[in-house]
Amino acid sequence: LAAGNYTVRVGWMKSDTDVLGTAQLSIRDSSIVLPVQVPELPT
């Protein structure tokens, strides 16, 4: 899938209206380099 935010919806073929479950899915662009987290020094 292209980068973005999606909803995954699972339904029942016996009914056009019954949604049995949903979930959220995020796809990130593979070309984006995520910043490296540097541990912070104590106060």
PDB file of all heavy atoms in Angstrom:
ATOM      1  N   LEU A   1       0.832  -1.200   0.000  1.00  0.00           N
ATOM      2  CA  LEU A   1       0.000   0.000   0.000  1.00  0.00           C
ATOM      3  C   LEU A   1       0.866   1.249   0.000  1.00  0.00           C
ATOM      4  O   LEU A   1       2.002   1.241   0.476  1.00  0.00           O
ATOM      5  CB  LEU A   1      -0.897   0.020   1.243  1.00  0.00           C
ATOM      6  CG  LEU A   1      -1.955  -1.085   1.357  1.00  0.00           C
ATOM      7  CD1 LEU A   1      -2.576  -1.073   2.752  1.00  0.00           C
ATOM      8  CD2 LEU A   1      -3.027  -0.915   0.289  1.00  0.00           C
ATOM      9  N   ALA A   2       0.294   2.338  -0.533  1.00  0.00           N
ATOM     10  CA  ALA A   2       0.979   3.622  -0.489  1.00  0.00           C
ATOM     11  C   ALA A   2       0.992   4.144   0.942  1.00  0.00           C
ATOM     12  O   ALA A   2       0.178   3.743   1.784  1.00  0.00           O
ATOM     13  CB  ALA A   2       0.278   4.618  -1.413  1.00  0.00           C
ATOM     14  N   ALA A   3       1.932   5.050   1.213  1.00  0.00           N
ATOM     15  CA  ALA A   3       2.022   5.625   2.556  1.00  0.00           C
ATOM     16  C   ALA A   3       0.714   6.331   2.917  1.00  0.00           C
ATOM     17  O   ALA A   3       0.101   7.012   2.078  1.00  0.00           O
ATOM     18  CB  ALA A   3       3.191   6.593   2.629  1.00  0.00           C
ATOM     19  N   GLY A   4       0.271   6.159   4.145  1.00  0.00           N
ATOM     20  CA  GLY A   4      -0.966   6.787   4.590  1.00  0.00           C
ATOM     21  C   GLY A   4      -1.578   6.023   5.743  1.00  0.00           C
ATOM     22  O   GLY A   4      -1.007   5.055   6.259  1.00  0.00           O
ATOM     23  N   ASN A   5      -2.763   6.442   6.128  1.00  0.00           N
ATOM     24  CA  ASN A   5      -3.496   5.807   7.213  1.00  0.00           C
ATOM     25  C   ASN A   5      -4.752   5.141   6.655  1.00  0.00           C
ATOM     26  O   ASN A   5      -5.481   5.736   5.847  1.00  0.00           O
ATOM     27  CB  ASN A   5      -3.886   6.835   8.286  1.00  0.00           C
ATOM     28  CG  ASN A   5      -2.664   7.428   8.971  1.00  0.00           C
ATOM     29  OD1 ASN A   5      -1.730   6.720   9.316  1.00  0.00           O
ATOM     30  ND2 ASN A   5      -2.679   8.747   9.154  1.00  0.00           N
ATOM     31  N   TYR A   6      -5.002   3.936   7.112  1.00  0.00           N
ATOM     32  CA  TYR A   6      -6.088   3.135   6.561  1.00  0.00           C
ATOM     33  C   TYR A   6      -6.932   2.526   7.677  1.00  0.00           C
ATOM     34  O   TYR A   6      -6.468   2.353   8.812  1.00  0.00           O
ATOM     35  CB  TYR A   6      -5.536   2.010   5.683  1.00  0.00           C
ATOM     36  CG  TYR A   6      -4.717   2.484   4.502  1.00  0.00           C
ATOM     37  CD1 TYR A   6      -3.347   2.699   4.630  1.00  0.00           C
ATOM     38  CD2 TYR A   6      -5.312   2.707   3.273  1.00  0.00           C
ATOM     39  CE1 TYR A   6      -2.590   3.125   3.554  1.00  0.00           C
ATOM     40  CE2 TYR A   6      -4.565   3.128   2.184  1.00  0.00           C
ATOM     41  CZ  TYR A   6      -3.205   3.348   2.329  1.00  0.00           C
ATOM     42  OH  TYR A   6      -2.462   3.776   1.263  1.00  0.00           O
ATOM     43  N   THR A   7      -8.182   2.178   7.313  1.00  0.00           N
ATOM     44  CA  THR A   7      -9.053   1.388   8.175  1.00  0.00           C
ATOM     45  C   THR A   7      -9.249   0.029   7.524  1.00  0.00           C
ATOM     46  O   THR A   7      -9.571  -0.049   6.328  1.00  0.00           O
ATOM     47  CB  THR A   7     -10.424   2.062   8.365  1.00  0.00           C
ATOM     48  OG1 THR A   7     -10.241   3.309   9.040  1.00  0.00           O
ATOM     49  CG2 THR A   7     -11.347   1.183   9.193  1.00  0.00           C
ATOM     50  N   VAL A   8      -9.023  -1.028   8.293  1.00  0.00           N
ATOM     51  CA  VAL A   8      -9.247  -2.389   7.810  1.00  0.00           C
ATOM     52  C   VAL A   8     -10.583  -2.861   8.362  1.00  0.00           C
ATOM     53  O   VAL A   8     -10.780  -2.906   9.579  1.00  0.00           O
ATOM     54  CB  VAL A   8      -8.121  -3.342   8.265  1.00  0.00           C
ATOM     55  CG1 VAL A   8      -8.350  -4.731   7.693  1.00  0.00           C
ATOM     56  CG2 VAL A   8      -6.769  -2.804   7.830  1.00  0.00           C
ATOM     57  N   ARG A   9     -11.494  -3.180   7.461  1.00  0.00           N
ATOM     58  CA  ARG A   9     -12.839  -3.567   7.866  1.00  0.00           C
ATOM     59  C   ARG A   9     -13.122  -4.991   7.377  1.00  0.00           C
ATOM     60  O   ARG A   9     -12.941  -5.300   6.205  1.00  0.00           O
ATOM     61  CB  ARG A   9     -13.858  -2.596   7.287  1.00  0.00           C
ATOM     62  CG  ARG A   9     -15.313  -2.876   7.685  1.00  0.00           C
ATOM     63  CD  ARG A   9     -16.232  -1.840   7.078  1.00  0.00           C
ATOM     64  NE  ARG A   9     -15.931  -0.501   7.564  1.00  0.00           N
ATOM     65  CZ  ARG A   9     -16.392   0.609   7.011  1.00  0.00           C
ATOM     66  NH1 ARG A   9     -17.134   0.549   5.923  1.00  0.00           N
ATOM     67  NH2 ARG A   9     -16.081   1.788   7.533  1.00  0.00           N
ATOM     68  N   VAL A  10     -13.571  -5.849   8.299  1.00  0.00           N
ATOM     69  CA  VAL A  10     -13.889  -7.238   7.951  1.00  0.00           C
ATOM     70  C   VAL A  10     -15.388  -7.444   8.099  1.00  0.00           C
ATOM     71  O   VAL A  10     -15.963  -7.189   9.170  1.00  0.00           O
ATOM     72  CB  VAL A  10     -13.127  -8.234   8.849  1.00  0.00           C
ATOM     73  CG1 VAL A  10     -13.443  -9.669   8.429  1.00  0.00           C
ATOM     74  CG2 VAL A  10     -11.627  -7.979   8.773  1.00  0.00           C
ATOM     75  N   GLY A  11     -16.024  -7.886   7.032  1.00  0.00           N
ATOM     76  CA  GLY A  11     -17.465  -8.111   7.035  1.00  0.00           C
ATOM     77  C   GLY A  11     -17.812  -9.553   6.745  1.00  0.00           C
ATOM     78  O   GLY A  11     -16.947 -10.382   6.433  1.00  0.00           O
ATOM     79  N   TRP A  12     -19.084  -9.846   6.824  1.00  0.00           N
ATOM     80  CA  TRP A  12     -19.624 -11.189   6.648  1.00  0.00           C
ATOM     81  C   TRP A  12     -20.316 -11.250   5.302  1.00  0.00           C
ATOM     82  O   TRP A  12     -21.170 -10.418   5.001  1.00  0.00           O
ATOM     83  CB  TRP A  12     -20.612 -11.449   7.777  1.00  0.00           C
ATOM     84  CG  TRP A  12     -20.845 -12.859   8.143  1.00  0.00           C
ATOM     85  CD1 TRP A  12     -20.036 -13.923   7.953  1.00  0.00           C
ATOM     86  CD2 TRP A  12     -22.010 -13.363   8.807  1.00  0.00           C
ATOM     87  NE1 TRP A  12     -20.594 -15.054   8.467  1.00  0.00           N
ATOM     88  CE2 TRP A  12     -21.812 -14.743   9.002  1.00  0.00           C
ATOM     89  CE3 TRP A  12     -23.181 -12.784   9.282  1.00  0.00           C
ATOM     90  CZ2 TRP A  12     -22.749 -15.560   9.623  1.00  0.00           C
ATOM     91  CZ3 TRP A  12     -24.113 -13.592   9.903  1.00  0.00           C
ATOM     92  CH2 TRP A  12     -23.903 -14.961  10.073  1.00  0.00           C
ATOM     93  N   MET A  13     -19.984 -12.234   4.474  1.00  0.00           N
ATOM     94  CA  MET A  13     -20.576 -12.323   3.148  1.00  0.00           C
ATOM     95  C   MET A  13     -22.069 -12.640   3.195  1.00  0.00           C
ATOM     96  O   MET A  13     -22.788 -12.419   2.229  1.00  0.00           O
ATOM     97  CB  MET A  13     -19.842 -13.387   2.332  1.00  0.00           C
ATOM     98  CG  MET A  13     -18.415 -13.007   1.945  1.00  0.00           C
ATOM     99  SD  MET A  13     -18.347 -11.493   0.953  1.00  0.00           S
ATOM    100  CE  MET A  13     -19.195 -12.023  -0.523  1.00  0.00           C
ATOM    101  N   LYS A  14     -22.564 -13.151   4.333  1.00  0.00           N
ATOM    102  CA  LYS A  14     -23.992 -13.452   4.448  1.00  0.00           C
ATOM    103  C   LYS A  14     -24.819 -12.189   4.635  1.00  0.00           C
ATOM    104  O   LYS A  14     -26.050 -12.239   4.562  1.00  0.00           O
ATOM    105  CB  LYS A  14     -24.234 -14.396   5.626  1.00  0.00           C
ATOM    106  CG  LYS A  14     -23.713 -15.811   5.387  1.00  0.00           C
ATOM    107  CD  LYS A  14     -24.001 -16.706   6.583  1.00  0.00           C
ATOM    108  CE  LYS A  14     -23.492 -18.113   6.333  1.00  0.00           C
ATOM    109  NZ  LYS A  14     -23.697 -19.014   7.497  1.00  0.00           N
ATOM    110  N   SER A  15     -24.168 -11.076   4.930  1.00  0.00           N
ATOM    111  CA  SER A  15     -24.889  -9.829   5.154  1.00  0.00           C
ATOM    112  C   SER A  15     -24.086  -8.666   4.605  1.00  0.00           C
ATOM    113  O   SER A  15     -22.873  -8.601   4.771  1.00  0.00           O
ATOM    114  CB  SER A  15     -25.135  -9.628   6.658  1.00  0.00           C
ATOM    115  OG  SER A  15     -25.652  -8.342   6.901  1.00  0.00           O
ATOM    116  N   ASP A  16     -24.763  -7.759   3.925  1.00  0.00           N
ATOM    117  CA  ASP A  16     -24.093  -6.577   3.372  1.00  0.00           C
ATOM    118  C   ASP A  16     -23.867  -5.511   4.435  1.00  0.00           C
ATOM    119  O   ASP A  16     -23.117  -4.560   4.212  1.00  0.00           O
ATOM    120  CB  ASP A  16     -24.927  -5.977   2.232  1.00  0.00           C
ATOM    121  CG  ASP A  16     -25.016  -6.917   1.034  1.00  0.00           C
ATOM    122  OD1 ASP A  16     -24.076  -7.711   0.837  1.00  0.00           O
ATOM    123  OD2 ASP A  16     -26.029  -6.858   0.309  1.00  0.00           O
ATOM    124  N   THR A  17     -24.517  -5.651   5.576  1.00  0.00           N
ATOM    125  CA  THR A  17     -24.442  -4.594   6.589  1.00  0.00           C
ATOM    126  C   THR A  17     -23.618  -4.981   7.815  1.00  0.00           C
ATOM    127  O   THR A  17     -23.195  -4.110   8.560  1.00  0.00           O
ATOM    128  CB  THR A  17     -25.864  -4.204   7.054  1.00  0.00           C
ATOM    129  OG1 THR A  17     -26.521  -5.364   7.581  1.00  0.00           O
ATOM    130  CG2 THR A  17     -26.688  -3.667   5.892  1.00  0.00           C
ATOM    131  N   ASP A  18     -23.419  -6.269   8.056  1.00  0.00           N
ATOM    132  CA  ASP A  18     -22.708  -6.698   9.262  1.00  0.00           C
ATOM    133  C   ASP A  18     -21.209  -6.479   9.123  1.00  0.00           C
ATOM    134  O   ASP A  18     -20.549  -7.078   8.266  1.00  0.00           O
ATOM    135  CB  ASP A  18     -22.963  -8.180   9.548  1.00  0.00           C
ATOM    136  CG  ASP A  18     -24.347  -8.419  10.134  1.00  0.00           C
ATOM    137  OD1 ASP A  18     -24.976  -7.424  10.528  1.00  0.00           O
ATOM    138  OD2 ASP A  18     -24.792  -9.569  10.191  1.00  0.00           O
ATOM    139  N   VAL A  19     -20.666  -5.590   9.946  1.00  0.00           N
ATOM    140  CA  VAL A  19     -19.221  -5.397  10.053  1.00  0.00           C
ATOM    141  C   VAL A  19     -18.784  -6.114  11.324  1.00  0.00           C
ATOM    142  O   VAL A  19     -19.183  -5.759  12.423  1.00  0.00           O
ATOM    143  CB  VAL A  19     -18.851  -3.902  10.113  1.00  0.00           C
ATOM    144  CG1 VAL A  19     -17.350  -3.748  10.309  1.00  0.00           C
ATOM    145  CG2 VAL A  19     -19.301  -3.199   8.849  1.00  0.00           C
ATOM    146  N   LEU A  20     -17.966  -7.135  11.166  1.00  0.00           N
ATOM    147  CA  LEU A  20     -17.616  -7.995  12.291  1.00  0.00           C
ATOM    148  C   LEU A  20     -16.403  -7.495  13.061  1.00  0.00           C
ATOM    149  O   LEU A  20     -16.204  -7.875  14.210  1.00  0.00           O
ATOM    150  CB  LEU A  20     -17.366  -9.424  11.803  1.00  0.00           C
ATOM    151  CG  LEU A  20     -18.495 -10.053  10.963  1.00  0.00           C
ATOM    152  CD1 LEU A  20     -18.155 -11.496  10.634  1.00  0.00           C
ATOM    153  CD2 LEU A  20     -19.818  -9.970  11.689  1.00  0.00           C
ATOM    154  N   GLY A  21     -15.577  -6.648  12.438  1.00  0.00           N
ATOM    155  CA  GLY A  21     -14.398  -6.150  13.128  1.00  0.00           C
ATOM    156  C   GLY A  21     -13.682  -5.087  12.314  1.00  0.00           C
ATOM    157  O   GLY A  21     -13.719  -5.114  11.075  1.00  0.00           O
ATOM    158  N   THR A  22     -13.039  -4.131  12.994  1.00  0.00           N
ATOM    159  CA  THR A  22     -12.268  -3.082  12.326  1.00  0.00           C
ATOM    160  C   THR A  22     -10.948  -2.874  13.057  1.00  0.00           C
ATOM    161  O   THR A  22     -10.828  -3.148  14.250  1.00  0.00           O
ATOM    162  CB  THR A  22     -13.037  -1.744  12.285  1.00  0.00           C
ATOM    163  OG1 THR A  22     -13.328  -1.336  13.626  1.00  0.00           O
ATOM    164  CG2 THR A  22     -14.321  -1.868  11.486  1.00  0.00           C
ATOM    165  N   ALA A  23      -9.968  -2.364  12.313  1.00  0.00           N
ATOM    166  CA  ALA A  23      -8.660  -2.044  12.895  1.00  0.00           C
ATOM    167  C   ALA A  23      -8.057  -0.899  12.090  1.00  0.00           C
ATOM    168  O   ALA A  23      -8.456  -0.624  10.948  1.00  0.00           O
ATOM    169  CB  ALA A  23      -7.733  -3.259  12.873  1.00  0.00           C
ATOM    170  N   GLN A  24      -7.086  -0.212  12.691  1.00  0.00           N
ATOM    171  CA  GLN A  24      -6.393   0.891  12.043  1.00  0.00           C
ATOM    172  C   GLN A  24      -5.013   0.417  11.581  1.00  0.00           C
ATOM    173  O   GLN A  24      -4.351  -0.353  12.279  1.00  0.00           O
ATOM    174  CB  GLN A  24      -6.251   2.078  12.992  1.00  0.00           C
ATOM    175  CG  GLN A  24      -7.542   2.492  13.673  1.00  0.00           C
ATOM    176  CD  GLN A  24      -8.681   2.768  12.707  1.00  0.00           C
ATOM    177  OE1 GLN A  24      -8.491   3.437  11.696  1.00  0.00           O
ATOM    178  NE2 GLN A  24      -9.858   2.237  13.003  1.00  0.00           N
ATOM    179  N   LEU A  25      -4.590   0.893  10.414  1.00  0.00           N
ATOM    180  CA  LEU A  25      -3.301   0.492   9.844  1.00  0.00           C
ATOM    181  C   LEU A  25      -2.599   1.716   9.264  1.00  0.00           C
ATOM    182  O   LEU A  25      -3.198   2.465   8.484  1.00  0.00           O
ATOM    183  CB  LEU A  25      -3.493  -0.564   8.761  1.00  0.00           C
ATOM    184  CG  LEU A  25      -2.247  -0.991   7.981  1.00  0.00           C
ATOM    185  CD1 LEU A  25      -1.244  -1.680   8.902  1.00  0.00           C
ATOM    186  CD2 LEU A  25      -2.619  -1.907   6.825  1.00  0.00           C
ATOM    187  N   SER A  26      -1.333   1.913   9.638  1.00  0.00           N
ATOM    188  CA  SER A  26      -0.523   3.008   9.084  1.00  0.00           C
ATOM    189  C   SER A  26       0.605   2.430   8.240  1.00  0.00           C
ATOM    190  O   SER A  26       1.254   1.459   8.649  1.00  0.00           O
ATOM    191  CB  SER A  26       0.059   3.865  10.219  1.00  0.00           C
ATOM    192  OG  SER A  26      -0.976   4.519  10.933  1.00  0.00           O
ATOM    193  N   ILE A  27       0.822   3.067   7.083  1.00  0.00           N
ATOM    194  CA  ILE A  27       1.913   2.684   6.190  1.00  0.00           C
ATOM    195  C   ILE A  27       2.851   3.888   6.073  1.00  0.00           C
ATOM    196  O   ILE A  27       2.423   4.989   5.686  1.00  0.00           O
ATOM    197  CB  ILE A  27       1.405   2.291   4.778  1.00  0.00           C
ATOM    198  CG1 ILE A  27       0.314   1.212   4.894  1.00  0.00           C
ATOM    199  CG2 ILE A  27       2.554   1.813   3.916  1.00  0.00           C
ATOM    200  CD1 ILE A  27       0.791  -0.098   5.443  1.00  0.00           C
ATOM    201  N   ARG A  28       4.140   3.711   6.406  1.00  0.00           N
ATOM    202  CA  ARG A  28       5.096   4.813   6.296  1.00  0.00           C
ATOM    203  C   ARG A  28       5.926   4.646   5.037  1.00  0.00           C
ATOM    204  O   ARG A  28       6.143   3.540   4.533  1.00  0.00           O
ATOM    205  CB  ARG A  28       6.000   4.863   7.534  1.00  0.00           C
ATOM    206  CG  ARG A  28       6.908   3.670   7.709  1.00  0.00           C
ATOM    207  CD  ARG A  28       7.977   3.932   8.765  1.00  0.00           C
ATOM    208  NE  ARG A  28       8.785   2.749   8.995  1.00  0.00           N
ATOM    209  CZ  ARG A  28       8.769   2.019  10.093  1.00  0.00           C
ATOM    210  NH1 ARG A  28       7.958   2.350  11.082  1.00  0.00           N
ATOM    211  NH2 ARG A  28       9.545   0.955  10.223  1.00  0.00           N
ATOM    212  N   ASP A  29       6.412   5.767   4.526  1.00  0.00           N
ATOM    213  CA  ASP A  29       7.233   5.778   3.312  1.00  0.00           C
ATOM    214  C   ASP A  29       8.605   5.195   3.631  1.00  0.00           C
ATOM    215  O   ASP A  29       9.286   5.630   4.561  1.00  0.00           O
ATOM    216  CB  ASP A  29       7.367   7.211   2.797  1.00  0.00           C
ATOM    217  CG  ASP A  29       7.901   7.266   1.368  1.00  0.00           C
ATOM    218  OD1 ASP A  29       8.654   6.353   0.987  1.00  0.00           O
ATOM    219  OD2 ASP A  29       7.545   8.218   0.657  1.00  0.00           O
ATOM    220  N   SER A  30       9.037   4.237   2.830  1.00  0.00           N
ATOM    221  CA  SER A  30      10.325   3.576   3.082  1.00  0.00           C
ATOM    222  C   SER A  30      11.505   4.509   2.832  1.00  0.00           C
ATOM    223  O   SER A  30      12.614   4.247   3.314  1.00  0.00           O
ATOM    224  CB  SER A  30      10.462   2.341   2.189  1.00  0.00           C
ATOM    225  OG  SER A  30      10.373   2.706   0.814  1.00  0.00           O
ATOM    226  N   SER A  31      11.305   5.621   2.071  1.00  0.00           N
ATOM    227  CA  SER A  31      12.413   6.545   1.771  1.00  0.00           C
ATOM    228  C   SER A  31      12.691   7.511   2.909  1.00  0.00           C
ATOM    229  O   SER A  31      13.702   8.202   2.908  1.00  0.00           O
ATOM    230  CB  SER A  31      12.099   7.344   0.507  1.00  0.00           C
ATOM    231  OG  SER A  31      10.947   8.162   0.698  1.00  0.00           O
ATOM    232  N   ILE A  32      11.797   7.595   3.870  1.00  0.00           N
ATOM    233  CA  ILE A  32      11.990   8.506   4.999  1.00  0.00           C
ATOM    234  C   ILE A  32      12.848   7.834   6.050  1.00  0.00           C
ATOM    235  O   ILE A  32      12.532   6.737   6.527  1.00  0.00           O
ATOM    236  CB  ILE A  32      10.636   8.920   5.601  1.00  0.00           C
ATOM    237  CG1 ILE A  32       9.789   9.672   4.564  1.00  0.00           C
ATOM    238  CG2 ILE A  32      10.831   9.765   6.851  1.00  0.00           C
ATOM    239  CD1 ILE A  32       8.414  10.036   5.051  1.00  0.00           C
ATOM    240  N   VAL A  33      13.979   8.478   6.382  1.00  0.00           N
ATOM    241  CA  VAL A  33      14.880   7.950   7.401  1.00  0.00           C
ATOM    242  C   VAL A  33      14.437   8.487   8.747  1.00  0.00           C
ATOM    243  O   VAL A  33      14.388   9.705   8.963  1.00  0.00           O
ATOM    244  CB  VAL A  33      16.349   8.342   7.123  1.00  0.00           C
ATOM    245  CG1 VAL A  33      17.260   7.798   8.219  1.00  0.00           C
ATOM    246  CG2 VAL A  33      16.775   7.837   5.759  1.00  0.00           C
ATOM    247  N   LEU A  34      14.113   7.614   9.617  1.00  0.00           N
ATOM    248  CA  LEU A  34      13.652   8.035  10.935  1.00  0.00           C
ATOM    249  C   LEU A  34      14.817   8.537  11.767  1.00  0.00           C
ATOM    250  O   LEU A  34      15.915   7.965  11.735  1.00  0.00           O
ATOM    251  CB  LEU A  34      12.972   6.858  11.651  1.00  0.00           C
ATOM    252  CG  LEU A  34      11.689   6.331  10.984  1.00  0.00           C
ATOM    253  CD1 LEU A  34      11.150   5.147  11.767  1.00  0.00           C
ATOM    254  CD2 LEU A  34      10.640   7.423  10.882  1.00  0.00           C
ATOM    255  N   PRO A  35      14.666   9.631  12.501  1.00  0.00           N
ATOM    256  CA  PRO A  35      15.758  10.152  13.331  1.00  0.00           C
ATOM    257  C   PRO A  35      16.146   9.160  14.417  1.00  0.00           C
ATOM    258  O   PRO A  35      15.298   8.451  14.949  1.00  0.00           O
ATOM    259  CB  PRO A  35      15.155  11.433  13.939  1.00  0.00           C
ATOM    260  CG  PRO A  35      13.669  11.202  13.891  1.00  0.00           C
ATOM    261  CD  PRO A  35      13.423  10.399  12.656  1.00  0.00           C
ATOM    262  N   VAL A  36      17.452   9.133  14.681  1.00  0.00           N
ATOM    263  CA  VAL A  36      17.964   8.252  15.724  1.00  0.00           C
ATOM    264  C   VAL A  36      17.774   8.929  17.068  1.00  0.00           C
ATOM    265  O   VAL A  36      18.152  10.097  17.254  1.00  0.00           O
ATOM    266  CB  VAL A  36      19.460   7.927  15.484  1.00  0.00           C
ATOM    267  CG1 VAL A  36      19.985   7.045  16.620  1.00  0.00           C
ATOM    268  CG2 VAL A  36      19.635   7.257  14.139  1.00  0.00           C
ATOM    269  N   GLN A  37      17.200   8.242  17.956  1.00  0.00           N
ATOM    270  CA  GLN A  37      16.961   8.799  19.279  1.00  0.00           C
ATOM    271  C   GLN A  37      18.254   8.788  20.093  1.00  0.00           C
ATOM    272  O   GLN A  37      18.873   7.741  20.288  1.00  0.00           O
ATOM    273  CB  GLN A  37      15.891   7.966  20.011  1.00  0.00           C
ATOM    274  CG  GLN A  37      14.509   8.022  19.358  1.00  0.00           C
ATOM    275  CD  GLN A  37      13.865   9.381  19.549  1.00  0.00           C
ATOM    276  OE1 GLN A  37      14.225  10.123  20.469  1.00  0.00           O
ATOM    277  NE2 GLN A  37      12.925   9.717  18.678  1.00  0.00           N
ATOM    278  N   VAL A  38      18.708   9.967  20.542  1.00  0.00           N
ATOM    279  CA  VAL A  38      19.908  10.089  21.368  1.00  0.00           C
ATOM    280  C   VAL A  38      19.479  10.170  22.820  1.00  0.00           C
ATOM    281  O   VAL A  38      18.646  11.014  23.175  1.00  0.00           O
ATOM    282  CB  VAL A  38      20.714  11.352  20.994  1.00  0.00           C
ATOM    283  CG1 VAL A  38      21.943  11.479  21.889  1.00  0.00           C
ATOM    284  CG2 VAL A  38      21.109  11.300  19.532  1.00  0.00           C
ATOM    285  N   PRO A  39      20.009   9.320  23.650  1.00  0.00           N
ATOM    286  CA  PRO A  39      19.594   9.352  25.063  1.00  0.00           C
ATOM    287  C   PRO A  39      19.875  10.713  25.696  1.00  0.00           C
ATOM    288  O   PRO A  39      20.928  11.320  25.471  1.00  0.00           O
ATOM    289  CB  PRO A  39      20.460   8.261  25.702  1.00  0.00           C
ATOM    290  CG  PRO A  39      20.869   7.380  24.567  1.00  0.00           C
ATOM    291  CD  PRO A  39      20.996   8.268  23.390  1.00  0.00           C
ATOM    292  N   GLU A  40      18.923  11.220  26.406  1.00  0.00           N
ATOM    293  CA  GLU A  40      19.086  12.509  27.072  1.00  0.00           C
ATOM    294  C   GLU A  40      19.883  12.341  28.363  1.00  0.00           C
ATOM    295  O   GLU A  40      19.776  11.341  29.064  1.00  0.00           O
ATOM    296  CB  GLU A  40      17.716  13.104  27.393  1.00  0.00           C
ATOM    297  CG  GLU A  40      16.892  13.471  26.157  1.00  0.00           C
ATOM    298  CD  GLU A  40      15.584  14.122  26.532  1.00  0.00           C
ATOM    299  OE1 GLU A  40      15.354  14.313  27.755  1.00  0.00           O
ATOM    300  OE2 GLU A  40      14.803  14.444  25.628  1.00  0.00           O
ATOM    301  N   LEU A  41      20.754  13.377  28.641  1.00  0.00           N
ATOM    302  CA  LEU A  41      21.529  13.373  29.881  1.00  0.00           C
ATOM    303  C   LEU A  41      20.638  13.774  31.047  1.00  0.00           C
ATOM    304  O   LEU A  41      19.656  14.511  30.862  1.00  0.00           O
ATOM    305  CB  LEU A  41      22.687  14.371  29.778  1.00  0.00           C
ATOM    306  CG  LEU A  41      23.763  14.043  28.732  1.00  0.00           C
ATOM    307  CD1 LEU A  41      24.749  15.177  28.647  1.00  0.00           C
ATOM    308  CD2 LEU A  41      24.458  12.737  29.070  1.00  0.00           C
ATOM    309  N   PRO A  42      20.931  13.263  32.207  1.00  0.00           N
ATOM    310  CA  PRO A  42      20.133  13.653  33.376  1.00  0.00           C
ATOM    311  C   PRO A  42      20.159  15.160  33.582  1.00  0.00           C
ATOM    312  O   PRO A  42      21.099  15.857  33.184  1.00  0.00           O
ATOM    313  CB  PRO A  42      20.826  12.914  34.532  1.00  0.00           C
ATOM    314  CG  PRO A  42      21.569  11.791  33.881  1.00  0.00           C
ATOM    315  CD  PRO A  42      21.977  12.289  32.533  1.00  0.00           C
ATOM    316  N   THR A  43      19.142  15.666  34.197  1.00  0.00           N
ATOM    317  CA  THR A  43      19.033  17.105  34.457  1.00  0.00           C
ATOM    318  C   THR A  43      20.236  17.609  35.261  1.00  0.00           C
ATOM    319  O   THR A  43      20.629  17.004  36.255  1.00  0.00           O
ATOM    320  CB  THR A  43      17.740  17.398  35.238  1.00  0.00           C
ATOM    321  OG1 THR A  43      16.638  16.869  34.516  1.00  0.00           O
ATOM    322  CG2 THR A  43      17.553  18.896  35.431  1.00  0.00           C
TER     323      THR A  43
END
